[in-house]
Amino acid sequence: MRKFALKIIDFFYPPFQKWFSLHTFRYLASGGITVSTGIISYFLIFNYVLDQQDVKVGEYLITAPIAALFLESLLTFIVGFMLNKYLVFTQSNLVGRIQLFRYATVYGTNILLNYALMKILVEGFQFFPTIAKALITIVLAVFSYFSQKYFSFRVKKS
């Protein structure tokens, strides 16, 4: 399965080889797949699983958009980790549970940074939300790449 997935991703690489290494292209492709999975699963969860209805958990009411976001985040976490572990950062010799913990740390940090930067750019500097989101996505994608490469999936020196 891994070889088949890499064949498909690598098939689209030649037009981009001037700008990206194969490793970086695989990271971008995996990120694109993860983001697409998130958008599609959010739509399906919000509209068909939750039927746009809020969820009551004990005394607490969770709105449908937030519940869908939570469920979608769990799915994209799993998809992102699997793609990074098995397609992008395959040279890592760290134990899988260490990789998973570190990946979760970076994932959680990205969520917090995303929230904080949106607040700062939109409310503090009056950026348009869509432009702010696009800028933040680019910054966090670069941050994530280096975090995953040198922290979550680093290669231990012998």
C-alpha atoms as a PDB file:
ATOM      1  CA  MET A   1       0.000   0.000   0.000  1.00  0.00           C
ATOM      2  CA  ARG A   2       2.841   2.389   0.894  1.00  0.00           C
ATOM      3  CA  LYS A   3       4.614   1.785  -2.414  1.00  0.00           C
ATOM      4  CA  PHE A   4       1.382   2.334  -4.339  1.00  0.00           C
ATOM      5  CA  ALA A   5       0.674   5.625  -2.535  1.00  0.00           C
ATOM      6  CA  LEU A   6       4.235   6.837  -3.147  1.00  0.00           C
ATOM      7  CA  LYS A   7       3.953   5.914  -6.833  1.00  0.00           C
ATOM      8  CA  ILE A   8       0.857   8.070  -7.161  1.00  0.00           C
ATOM      9  CA  ILE A   9       2.383  11.033  -5.312  1.00  0.00           C
ATOM     10  CA  ASP A  10       5.713  10.723  -7.137  1.00  0.00           C
ATOM     11  CA  PHE A  11       3.890  10.619 -10.512  1.00  0.00           C
ATOM     12  CA  PHE A  12       2.892  14.265 -10.006  1.00  0.00           C
ATOM     13  CA  TYR A  13       6.357  15.367  -8.867  1.00  0.00           C
ATOM     14  CA  PRO A  14       8.216  16.120 -12.171  1.00  0.00           C
ATOM     15  CA  PRO A  15       6.610  19.545 -12.864  1.00  0.00           C
ATOM     16  CA  PHE A  16       7.515  20.643  -9.323  1.00  0.00           C
ATOM     17  CA  GLN A  17      11.088  19.339  -9.118  1.00  0.00           C
ATOM     18  CA  LYS A  18      12.501  22.792  -9.950  1.00  0.00           C
ATOM     19  CA  TRP A  19      10.966  24.208  -6.757  1.00  0.00           C
ATOM     20  CA  PHE A  20      10.813  21.335  -4.250  1.00  0.00           C
ATOM     21  CA  SER A  21      12.811  18.308  -3.270  1.00  0.00           C
ATOM     22  CA  LEU A  22      10.919  15.010  -3.508  1.00  0.00           C
ATOM     23  CA  HIS A  23      10.760  14.876   0.289  1.00  0.00           C
ATOM     24  CA  THR A  24       9.193  18.348   0.521  1.00  0.00           C
ATOM     25  CA  PHE A  25       6.762  17.521  -2.301  1.00  0.00           C
ATOM     26  CA  ARG A  26       5.660  14.395  -0.468  1.00  0.00           C
ATOM     27  CA  TYR A  27       5.122  16.480   2.665  1.00  0.00           C
ATOM     28  CA  LEU A  28       3.038  19.011   0.726  1.00  0.00           C
ATOM     29  CA  ALA A  29       1.018  16.235  -0.941  1.00  0.00           C
ATOM     30  CA  SER A  30       0.402  14.536   2.407  1.00  0.00           C
ATOM     31  CA  GLY A  31      -0.632  17.869   3.906  1.00  0.00           C
ATOM     32  CA  GLY A  32      -2.989  18.479   1.002  1.00  0.00           C
ATOM     33  CA  ILE A  33      -4.548  15.055   1.478  1.00  0.00           C
ATOM     34  CA  THR A  34      -4.920  15.701   5.212  1.00  0.00           C
ATOM     35  CA  VAL A  35      -6.521  19.117   4.671  1.00  0.00           C
ATOM     36  CA  SER A  36      -8.874  17.709   2.031  1.00  0.00           C
ATOM     37  CA  THR A  37      -9.826  14.883   4.366  1.00  0.00           C
ATOM     38  CA  GLY A  38     -10.567  17.454   7.059  1.00  0.00           C
ATOM     39  CA  ILE A  39     -12.789  19.606   4.865  1.00  0.00           C
ATOM     40  CA  ILE A  40     -14.728  16.673   3.424  1.00  0.00           C
ATOM     41  CA  SER A  41     -15.122  14.902   6.768  1.00  0.00           C
ATOM     42  CA  TYR A  42     -16.228  18.140   8.464  1.00  0.00           C
ATOM     43  CA  PHE A  43     -18.946  18.573   5.841  1.00  0.00           C
ATOM     44  CA  LEU A  44     -20.108  14.963   6.175  1.00  0.00           C
ATOM     45  CA  ILE A  45     -20.022  14.944   9.983  1.00  0.00           C
ATOM     46  CA  PHE A  46     -21.776  18.302  10.330  1.00  0.00           C
ATOM     47  CA  ASN A  47     -24.485  17.605   7.753  1.00  0.00           C
ATOM     48  CA  TYR A  48     -25.063  13.851   7.896  1.00  0.00           C
ATOM     49  CA  VAL A  49     -23.703  12.465  11.172  1.00  0.00           C
ATOM     50  CA  LEU A  50     -24.840  15.314  13.420  1.00  0.00           C
ATOM     51  CA  ASP A  51     -27.608  16.431  11.051  1.00  0.00           C
ATOM     52  CA  GLN A  52     -26.653  20.015  12.010  1.00  0.00           C
ATOM     53  CA  GLN A  53     -27.962  19.347  15.517  1.00  0.00           C
ATOM     54  CA  ASP A  54     -26.187  20.363  18.708  1.00  0.00           C
ATOM     55  CA  VAL A  55     -24.928  17.592  20.986  1.00  0.00           C
ATOM     56  CA  LYS A  56     -25.757  17.367  24.676  1.00  0.00           C
ATOM     57  CA  VAL A  57     -23.088  15.699  26.824  1.00  0.00           C
ATOM     58  CA  GLY A  58     -24.333  15.505  30.395  1.00  0.00           C
ATOM     59  CA  GLU A  59     -25.112  19.068  31.405  1.00  0.00           C
ATOM     60  CA  TYR A  60     -23.065  20.579  28.602  1.00  0.00           C
ATOM     61  CA  LEU A  61     -24.285  21.600  25.187  1.00  0.00           C
ATOM     62  CA  ILE A  62     -21.793  21.387  22.339  1.00  0.00           C
ATOM     63  CA  THR A  63     -22.836  23.229  19.206  1.00  0.00           C
ATOM     64  CA  ALA A  64     -22.923  21.211  16.003  1.00  0.00           C
ATOM     65  CA  PRO A  65     -20.087  23.184  14.329  1.00  0.00           C
ATOM     66  CA  ILE A  66     -17.797  22.646  17.328  1.00  0.00           C
ATOM     67  CA  ALA A  67     -18.744  18.978  17.686  1.00  0.00           C
ATOM     68  CA  ALA A  68     -18.051  18.446  13.984  1.00  0.00           C
ATOM     69  CA  LEU A  69     -14.734  20.270  14.334  1.00  0.00           C
ATOM     70  CA  PHE A  70     -13.758  18.054  17.269  1.00  0.00           C
ATOM     71  CA  LEU A  71     -14.622  14.821  15.413  1.00  0.00           C
ATOM     72  CA  GLU A  72     -12.972  16.042  12.225  1.00  0.00           C
ATOM     73  CA  SER A  73      -9.827  16.962  14.170  1.00  0.00           C
ATOM     74  CA  LEU A  74      -9.568  13.425  15.533  1.00  0.00           C
ATOM     75  CA  LEU A  75      -9.805  12.000  12.027  1.00  0.00           C
ATOM     76  CA  THR A  76      -7.304  14.429  10.487  1.00  0.00           C
ATOM     77  CA  PHE A  77      -4.908  13.817  13.373  1.00  0.00           C
ATOM     78  CA  ILE A  78      -4.887  10.100  12.552  1.00  0.00           C
ATOM     79  CA  VAL A  79      -4.663  10.621   8.787  1.00  0.00           C
ATOM     80  CA  GLY A  80      -1.894  13.219   9.133  1.00  0.00           C
ATOM     81  CA  PHE A  81       0.144  11.072  11.486  1.00  0.00           C
ATOM     82  CA  MET A  82      -0.129   7.985   9.287  1.00  0.00           C
ATOM     83  CA  LEU A  83       0.815   9.856   6.116  1.00  0.00           C
ATOM     84  CA  ASN A  84       3.764  11.574   7.771  1.00  0.00           C
ATOM     85  CA  LYS A  85       5.007   8.406   9.451  1.00  0.00           C
ATOM     86  CA  TYR A  86       4.668   6.048   6.492  1.00  0.00           C
ATOM     87  CA  LEU A  87       5.082   8.279   3.433  1.00  0.00           C
ATOM     88  CA  VAL A  88       7.138  11.337   4.357  1.00  0.00           C
ATOM     89  CA  PHE A  89       9.401  10.784   7.352  1.00  0.00           C
ATOM     90  CA  THR A  90      10.221   7.120   6.810  1.00  0.00           C
ATOM     91  CA  GLN A  91      13.860   7.446   7.847  1.00  0.00           C
ATOM     92  CA  SER A  92      12.979   8.194  11.471  1.00  0.00           C
ATOM     93  CA  ASN A  93      14.235   5.561  13.886  1.00  0.00           C
ATOM     94  CA  LEU A  94      12.240   6.819  16.882  1.00  0.00           C
ATOM     95  CA  VAL A  95       9.783   4.419  18.497  1.00  0.00           C
ATOM     96  CA  GLY A  96       6.228   4.799  17.137  1.00  0.00           C
ATOM     97  CA  ARG A  97       4.689   5.867  20.466  1.00  0.00           C
ATOM     98  CA  ILE A  98       7.328   8.596  20.836  1.00  0.00           C
ATOM     99  CA  GLN A  99       6.549   9.785  17.304  1.00  0.00           C
ATOM    100  CA  LEU A 100       2.826   9.771  18.100  1.00  0.00           C
ATOM    101  CA  PHE A 101       3.293  11.757  21.312  1.00  0.00           C
ATOM    102  CA  ARG A 102       5.535  14.301  19.597  1.00  0.00           C
ATOM    103  CA  TYR A 103       3.177  14.573  16.633  1.00  0.00           C
ATOM    104  CA  ALA A 104       0.289  15.205  19.062  1.00  0.00           C
ATOM    105  CA  THR A 105       2.363  17.905  20.763  1.00  0.00           C
ATOM    106  CA  VAL A 106       3.011  19.694  17.460  1.00  0.00           C
ATOM    107  CA  TYR A 107      -0.643  19.215  16.425  1.00  0.00           C
ATOM    108  CA  GLY A 108      -1.875  20.733  19.681  1.00  0.00           C
ATOM    109  CA  THR A 109       0.623  23.588  19.414  1.00  0.00           C
ATOM    110  CA  ASN A 110      -0.648  24.329  15.903  1.00  0.00           C
ATOM    111  CA  ILE A 111      -4.239  24.494  17.140  1.00  0.00           C
ATOM    112  CA  LEU A 112      -3.259  26.960  19.860  1.00  0.00           C
ATOM    113  CA  LEU A 113      -1.093  29.040  17.505  1.00  0.00           C
ATOM    114  CA  ASN A 114      -3.854  29.066  14.904  1.00  0.00           C
ATOM    115  CA  TYR A 115      -6.319  30.394  17.463  1.00  0.00           C
ATOM    116  CA  ALA A 116      -3.939  32.964  18.936  1.00  0.00           C
ATOM    117  CA  LEU A 117      -2.733  34.246  15.559  1.00  0.00           C
ATOM    118  CA  MET A 118      -6.305  34.547  14.261  1.00  0.00           C
ATOM    119  CA  LYS A 119      -7.222  36.605  17.322  1.00  0.00           C
ATOM    120  CA  ILE A 120      -4.160  38.836  16.906  1.00  0.00           C
ATOM    121  CA  LEU A 121      -4.448  39.365  13.153  1.00  0.00           C
ATOM    122  CA  VAL A 122      -8.232  39.716  12.912  1.00  0.00           C
ATOM    123  CA  GLU A 123      -9.092  41.465  16.152  1.00  0.00           C
ATOM    124  CA  GLY A 124      -5.803  43.223  16.830  1.00  0.00           C
ATOM    125  CA  PHE A 125      -4.607  44.240  13.367  1.00  0.00           C
ATOM    126  CA  GLN A 126      -8.012  44.200  11.597  1.00  0.00           C
ATOM    127  CA  PHE A 127      -6.958  41.744   8.851  1.00  0.00           C
ATOM    128  CA  PHE A 128      -9.702  40.188   6.766  1.00  0.00           C
ATOM    129  CA  PRO A 129     -10.308  36.730   8.290  1.00  0.00           C
ATOM    130  CA  THR A 130      -9.716  34.841   5.032  1.00  0.00           C
ATOM    131  CA  ILE A 131      -6.411  36.590   4.395  1.00  0.00           C
ATOM    132  CA  ALA A 132      -5.372  36.033   8.014  1.00  0.00           C
ATOM    133  CA  LYS A 133      -6.254  32.340   7.746  1.00  0.00           C
ATOM    134  CA  ALA A 134      -4.259  31.961   4.524  1.00  0.00           C
ATOM    135  CA  LEU A 135      -1.185  33.651   6.023  1.00  0.00           C
ATOM    136  CA  ILE A 136      -1.435  31.603   9.214  1.00  0.00           C
ATOM    137  CA  THR A 137      -1.807  28.382   7.227  1.00  0.00           C
ATOM    138  CA  ILE A 138       1.405  29.101   5.318  1.00  0.00           C
ATOM    139  CA  VAL A 139       3.341  30.011   8.470  1.00  0.00           C
ATOM    140  CA  LEU A 140       2.061  26.959  10.366  1.00  0.00           C
ATOM    141  CA  ALA A 141       2.746  24.627   7.438  1.00  0.00           C
ATOM    142  CA  VAL A 142       6.407  25.718   7.450  1.00  0.00           C
ATOM    143  CA  PHE A 143       6.508  25.462  11.256  1.00  0.00           C
ATOM    144  CA  SER A 144       4.945  21.996  11.100  1.00  0.00           C
ATOM    145  CA  TYR A 145       7.356  20.745   8.465  1.00  0.00           C
ATOM    146  CA  PHE A 146      10.414  21.641  10.518  1.00  0.00           C
ATOM    147  CA  SER A 147       8.783  20.483  13.762  1.00  0.00           C
ATOM    148  CA  GLN A 148       7.933  17.115  12.257  1.00  0.00           C
ATOM    149  CA  LYS A 149      11.306  16.743  10.558  1.00  0.00           C
ATOM    150  CA  TYR A 150      13.486  17.706  13.528  1.00  0.00           C
ATOM    151  CA  PHE A 151      11.247  16.743  16.457  1.00  0.00           C
ATOM    152  CA  SER A 152       8.420  14.275  15.822  1.00  0.00           C
ATOM    153  CA  PHE A 153      10.133  12.112  13.206  1.00  0.00           C
ATOM    154  CA  ARG A 154      13.771  13.009  13.667  1.00  0.00           C
ATOM    155  CA  VAL A 155      16.506  10.542  12.864  1.00  0.00           C
ATOM    156  CA  LYS A 156      18.653   9.680  15.864  1.00  0.00           C
ATOM    157  CA  LYS A 157      22.340   9.885  15.163  1.00  0.00           C
ATOM    158  CA  SER A 158      24.122   6.638  15.910  1.00  0.00           C
END
